[in-house]
Amino acid sequence: MGRLIKYLFYLAILAGIGLSAYAYVGPWFGADFDAPVSEIRKPVVLNAN
């Protein structure tokens, strides 16, 4: 049981390193992390009776 927890811990560390590396290197390979920018207008009806 101890070995399983140790391997899961190592896997979590490697996943964190991989995710960080992808966040830094991803834009060089065409991954776009920018949020889409567009203005959204919706009418709001307030009932203040």
PDB file of N, CA and C in Angstrom:
ATOM      1  N   MET A   1       0.819  -1.186   0.000  1.00  0.00           N
ATOM      2  CA  MET A   1       0.000   0.000   0.000  1.00  0.00           C
ATOM      3  C   MET A   1       0.868   1.258   0.000  1.00  0.00           C
ATOM      4  N   GLY A   2       1.981   1.195   0.689  1.00  0.00           N
ATOM      5  CA  GLY A   2       2.883   2.334   0.754  1.00  0.00           C
ATOM      6  C   GLY A   2       3.503   2.635  -0.600  1.00  0.00           C
ATOM      7  N   ARG A   3       3.833   1.569  -1.352  1.00  0.00           N
ATOM      8  CA  ARG A   3       4.418   1.784  -2.686  1.00  0.00           C
ATOM      9  C   ARG A   3       3.413   2.424  -3.619  1.00  0.00           C
ATOM     10  N   LEU A   4       2.147   2.043  -3.518  1.00  0.00           N
ATOM     11  CA  LEU A   4       1.109   2.621  -4.366  1.00  0.00           C
ATOM     12  C   LEU A   4       0.969   4.124  -4.108  1.00  0.00           C
ATOM     13  N   ILE A   5       0.967   4.507  -2.845  1.00  0.00           N
ATOM     14  CA  ILE A   5       0.869   5.924  -2.500  1.00  0.00           C
ATOM     15  C   ILE A   5       2.096   6.677  -2.998  1.00  0.00           C
ATOM     16  N   LYS A   6       3.266   6.069  -2.874  1.00  0.00           N
ATOM     17  CA  LYS A   6       4.495   6.693  -3.340  1.00  0.00           C
ATOM     18  C   LYS A   6       4.453   6.886  -4.856  1.00  0.00           C
ATOM     19  N   TYR A   7       3.991   5.895  -5.594  1.00  0.00           N
ATOM     20  CA  TYR A   7       3.900   6.017  -7.051  1.00  0.00           C
ATOM     21  C   TYR A   7       2.854   7.050  -7.464  1.00  0.00           C
ATOM     22  N   LEU A   8       1.741   7.112  -6.757  1.00  0.00           N
ATOM     23  CA  LEU A   8       0.735   8.134  -7.046  1.00  0.00           C
ATOM     24  C   LEU A   8       1.274   9.530  -6.751  1.00  0.00           C
ATOM     25  N   PHE A   9       2.061   9.667  -5.711  1.00  0.00           N
ATOM     26  CA  PHE A   9       2.680  10.949  -5.386  1.00  0.00           C
ATOM     27  C   PHE A   9       3.648  11.357  -6.496  1.00  0.00           C
ATOM     28  N   TYR A  10       4.484  10.430  -6.950  1.00  0.00           N
ATOM     29  CA  TYR A  10       5.416  10.731  -8.041  1.00  0.00           C
ATOM     30  C   TYR A  10       4.661  11.070  -9.327  1.00  0.00           C
ATOM     31  N   LEU A  11       3.581  10.377  -9.582  1.00  0.00           N
ATOM     32  CA  LEU A  11       2.779  10.652 -10.768  1.00  0.00           C
ATOM     33  C   LEU A  11       2.143  12.043 -10.694  1.00  0.00           C
ATOM     34  N   ALA A  12       1.684  12.437  -9.521  1.00  0.00           N
ATOM     35  CA  ALA A  12       1.108  13.774  -9.348  1.00  0.00           C
ATOM     36  C   ALA A  12       2.169  14.850  -9.550  1.00  0.00           C
ATOM     37  N   ILE A  13       3.372  14.631  -9.061  1.00  0.00           N
ATOM     38  CA  ILE A  13       4.470  15.583  -9.255  1.00  0.00           C
ATOM     39  C   ILE A  13       4.808  15.693 -10.734  1.00  0.00           C
ATOM     40  N   LEU A  14       4.912  14.565 -11.430  1.00  0.00           N
ATOM     41  CA  LEU A  14       5.221  14.591 -12.863  1.00  0.00           C
ATOM     42  C   LEU A  14       4.101  15.251 -13.659  1.00  0.00           C
ATOM     43  N   ALA A  15       2.854  15.029 -13.268  1.00  0.00           N
ATOM     44  CA  ALA A  15       1.728  15.671 -13.954  1.00  0.00           C
ATOM     45  C   ALA A  15       1.782  17.188 -13.764  1.00  0.00           C
ATOM     46  N   GLY A  16       2.117  17.649 -12.577  1.00  0.00           N
ATOM     47  CA  GLY A  16       2.248  19.082 -12.324  1.00  0.00           C
ATOM     48  C   GLY A  16       3.371  19.701 -13.139  1.00  0.00           C
ATOM     49  N   ILE A  17       4.501  19.016 -13.227  1.00  0.00           N
ATOM     50  CA  ILE A  17       5.621  19.507 -14.036  1.00  0.00           C
ATOM     51  C   ILE A  17       5.239  19.519 -15.505  1.00  0.00           C
ATOM     52  N   GLY A  18       4.557  18.477 -15.960  1.00  0.00           N
ATOM     53  CA  GLY A  18       4.134  18.420 -17.359  1.00  0.00           C
ATOM     54  C   GLY A  18       3.130  19.507 -17.698  1.00  0.00           C
ATOM     55  N   LEU A  19       2.197  19.770 -16.811  1.00  0.00           N
ATOM     56  CA  LEU A  19       1.209  20.824 -17.038  1.00  0.00           C
ATOM     57  C   LEU A  19       1.867  22.199 -17.074  1.00  0.00           C
ATOM     58  N   SER A  20       2.809  22.427 -16.183  1.00  0.00           N
ATOM     59  CA  SER A  20       3.542  23.699 -16.188  1.00  0.00           C
ATOM     60  C   SER A  20       4.357  23.853 -17.462  1.00  0.00           C
ATOM     61  N   ALA A  21       5.012  22.790 -17.890  1.00  0.00           N
ATOM     62  CA  ALA A  21       5.792  22.852 -19.125  1.00  0.00           C
ATOM     63  C   ALA A  21       4.891  23.108 -20.329  1.00  0.00           C
ATOM     64  N   TYR A  22       3.740  22.485 -20.365  1.00  0.00           N
ATOM     65  CA  TYR A  22       2.806  22.704 -21.474  1.00  0.00           C
ATOM     66  C   TYR A  22       2.298  24.143 -21.482  1.00  0.00           C
ATOM     67  N   ALA A  23       2.080  24.720 -20.308  1.00  0.00           N
ATOM     68  CA  ALA A  23       1.607  26.101 -20.233  1.00  0.00           C
ATOM     69  C   ALA A  23       2.655  27.070 -20.778  1.00  0.00           C
ATOM     70  N   TYR A  24       3.937  26.789 -20.559  1.00  0.00           N
ATOM     71  CA  TYR A  24       4.985  27.671 -21.049  1.00  0.00           C
ATOM     72  C   TYR A  24       5.357  27.396 -22.501  1.00  0.00           C
ATOM     73  N   VAL A  25       5.371  26.138 -22.920  1.00  0.00           N
ATOM     74  CA  VAL A  25       5.844  25.764 -24.249  1.00  0.00           C
ATOM     75  C   VAL A  25       4.708  25.665 -25.256  1.00  0.00           C
ATOM     76  N   GLY A  26       3.477  25.515 -24.800  1.00  0.00           N
ATOM     77  CA  GLY A  26       2.330  25.337 -25.676  1.00  0.00           C
ATOM     78  C   GLY A  26       2.158  26.407 -26.738  1.00  0.00           C
ATOM     79  N   PRO A  27       2.279  27.703 -26.405  1.00  0.00           N
ATOM     80  CA  PRO A  27       2.109  28.736 -27.443  1.00  0.00           C
ATOM     81  C   PRO A  27       3.124  28.636 -28.580  1.00  0.00           C
ATOM     82  N   TRP A  28       4.293  28.071 -28.341  1.00  0.00           N
ATOM     83  CA  TRP A  28       5.282  27.896 -29.416  1.00  0.00           C
ATOM     84  C   TRP A  28       4.810  26.861 -30.424  1.00  0.00           C
ATOM     85  N   PHE A  29       3.959  25.939 -29.990  1.00  0.00           N
ATOM     86  CA  PHE A  29       3.482  24.873 -30.863  1.00  0.00           C
ATOM     87  C   PHE A  29       2.059  25.109 -31.352  1.00  0.00           C
ATOM     88  N   GLY A  30       1.545  26.317 -31.160  1.00  0.00           N
ATOM     89  CA  GLY A  30       0.247  26.658 -31.719  1.00  0.00           C
ATOM     90  C   GLY A  30      -0.932  26.549 -30.774  1.00  0.00           C
ATOM     91  N   ALA A  31      -0.711  26.241 -29.522  1.00  0.00           N
ATOM     92  CA  ALA A  31      -1.817  26.190 -28.563  1.00  0.00           C
ATOM     93  C   ALA A  31      -2.151  27.621 -28.146  1.00  0.00           C
ATOM     94  N   ASP A  32      -3.409  28.008 -28.273  1.00  0.00           N
ATOM     95  CA  ASP A  32      -3.834  29.365 -27.948  1.00  0.00           C
ATOM     96  C   ASP A  32      -4.610  29.342 -26.650  1.00  0.00           C
ATOM     97  N   PHE A  33      -4.088  29.999 -25.619  1.00  0.00           N
ATOM     98  CA  PHE A  33      -4.715  29.993 -24.308  1.00  0.00           C
ATOM     99  C   PHE A  33      -5.495  31.266 -24.025  1.00  0.00           C
ATOM    100  N   ASP A  34      -5.588  32.172 -24.994  1.00  0.00           N
ATOM    101  CA  ASP A  34      -6.306  33.421 -24.774  1.00  0.00           C
ATOM    102  C   ASP A  34      -7.811  33.180 -24.758  1.00  0.00           C
ATOM    103  N   ALA A  35      -8.471  33.909 -23.908  1.00  0.00           N
ATOM    104  CA  ALA A  35      -9.931  33.820 -23.851  1.00  0.00           C
ATOM    105  C   ALA A  35     -10.524  34.579 -25.034  1.00  0.00           C
ATOM    106  N   PRO A  36     -11.611  34.074 -25.613  1.00  0.00           N
ATOM    107  CA  PRO A  36     -12.241  34.813 -26.708  1.00  0.00           C
ATOM    108  C   PRO A  36     -12.800  36.140 -26.197  1.00  0.00           C
ATOM    109  N   VAL A  37     -12.519  37.192 -26.948  1.00  0.00           N
ATOM    110  CA  VAL A  37     -12.922  38.526 -26.535  1.00  0.00           C
ATOM    111  C   VAL A  37     -14.053  39.006 -27.438  1.00  0.00           C
ATOM    112  N   SER A  38     -15.212  39.203 -26.855  1.00  0.00           N
ATOM    113  CA  SER A  38     -16.337  39.765 -27.586  1.00  0.00           C
ATOM    114  C   SER A  38     -17.282  40.401 -26.571  1.00  0.00           C
ATOM    115  N   GLU A  39     -17.931  41.475 -26.992  1.00  0.00           N
ATOM    116  CA  GLU A  39     -18.843  42.175 -26.108  1.00  0.00           C
ATOM    117  C   GLU A  39     -20.228  41.549 -26.215  1.00  0.00           C
ATOM    118  N   ILE A  40     -20.838  41.282 -25.068  1.00  0.00           N
ATOM    119  CA  ILE A  40     -22.169  40.693 -25.026  1.00  0.00           C
ATOM    120  C   ILE A  40     -23.087  41.673 -24.303  1.00  0.00           C
ATOM    121  N   ARG A  41     -24.172  42.042 -24.961  1.00  0.00           N
ATOM    122  CA  ARG A  41     -25.149  42.949 -24.348  1.00  0.00           C
ATOM    123  C   ARG A  41     -26.489  42.228 -24.265  1.00  0.00           C
ATOM    124  N   LYS A  42     -27.084  42.222 -23.084  1.00  0.00           N
ATOM    125  CA  LYS A  42     -28.399  41.620 -22.874  1.00  0.00           C
ATOM    126  C   LYS A  42     -29.258  42.618 -22.103  1.00  0.00           C
ATOM    127  N   PRO A  43     -30.493  42.782 -22.511  1.00  0.00           N
ATOM    128  CA  PRO A  43     -31.367  43.678 -21.741  1.00  0.00           C
ATOM    129  C   PRO A  43     -31.751  43.046 -20.396  1.00  0.00           C
ATOM    130  N   VAL A  44     -31.846  43.891 -19.398  1.00  0.00           N
ATOM    131  CA  VAL A  44     -32.212  43.436 -18.061  1.00  0.00           C
ATOM    132  C   VAL A  44     -33.495  44.112 -17.647  1.00  0.00           C
ATOM    133  N   VAL A  45     -34.477  43.338 -17.235  1.00  0.00           N
ATOM    134  CA  VAL A  45     -35.748  43.878 -16.778  1.00  0.00           C
ATOM    135  C   VAL A  45     -35.789  43.783 -15.271  1.00  0.00           C
ATOM    136  N   LEU A  46     -35.914  44.947 -14.602  1.00  0.00           N
ATOM    137  CA  LEU A  46     -35.958  44.977 -13.148  1.00  0.00           C
ATOM    138  C   LEU A  46     -37.389  45.233 -12.697  1.00  0.00           C
ATOM    139  N   ASN A  47     -37.899  44.397 -11.835  1.00  0.00           N
ATOM    140  CA  ASN A  47     -39.228  44.568 -11.272  1.00  0.00           C
ATOM    141  C   ASN A  47     -39.052  45.114  -9.849  1.00  0.00           C
ATOM    142  N   ALA A  48     -39.180  46.421  -9.673  1.00  0.00           N
ATOM    143  CA  ALA A  48     -38.978  47.041  -8.368  1.00  0.00           C
ATOM    144  C   ALA A  48     -40.303  47.544  -7.804  1.00  0.00           C
ATOM    145  N   ASN A  49     -41.256  46.681  -7.670  1.00  0.00           N
ATOM    146  CA  ASN A  49     -42.563  47.069  -7.130  1.00  0.00           C
ATOM    147  C   ASN A  49     -42.612  46.866  -5.632  1.00  0.00           C
TER     148      ASN A  49
END
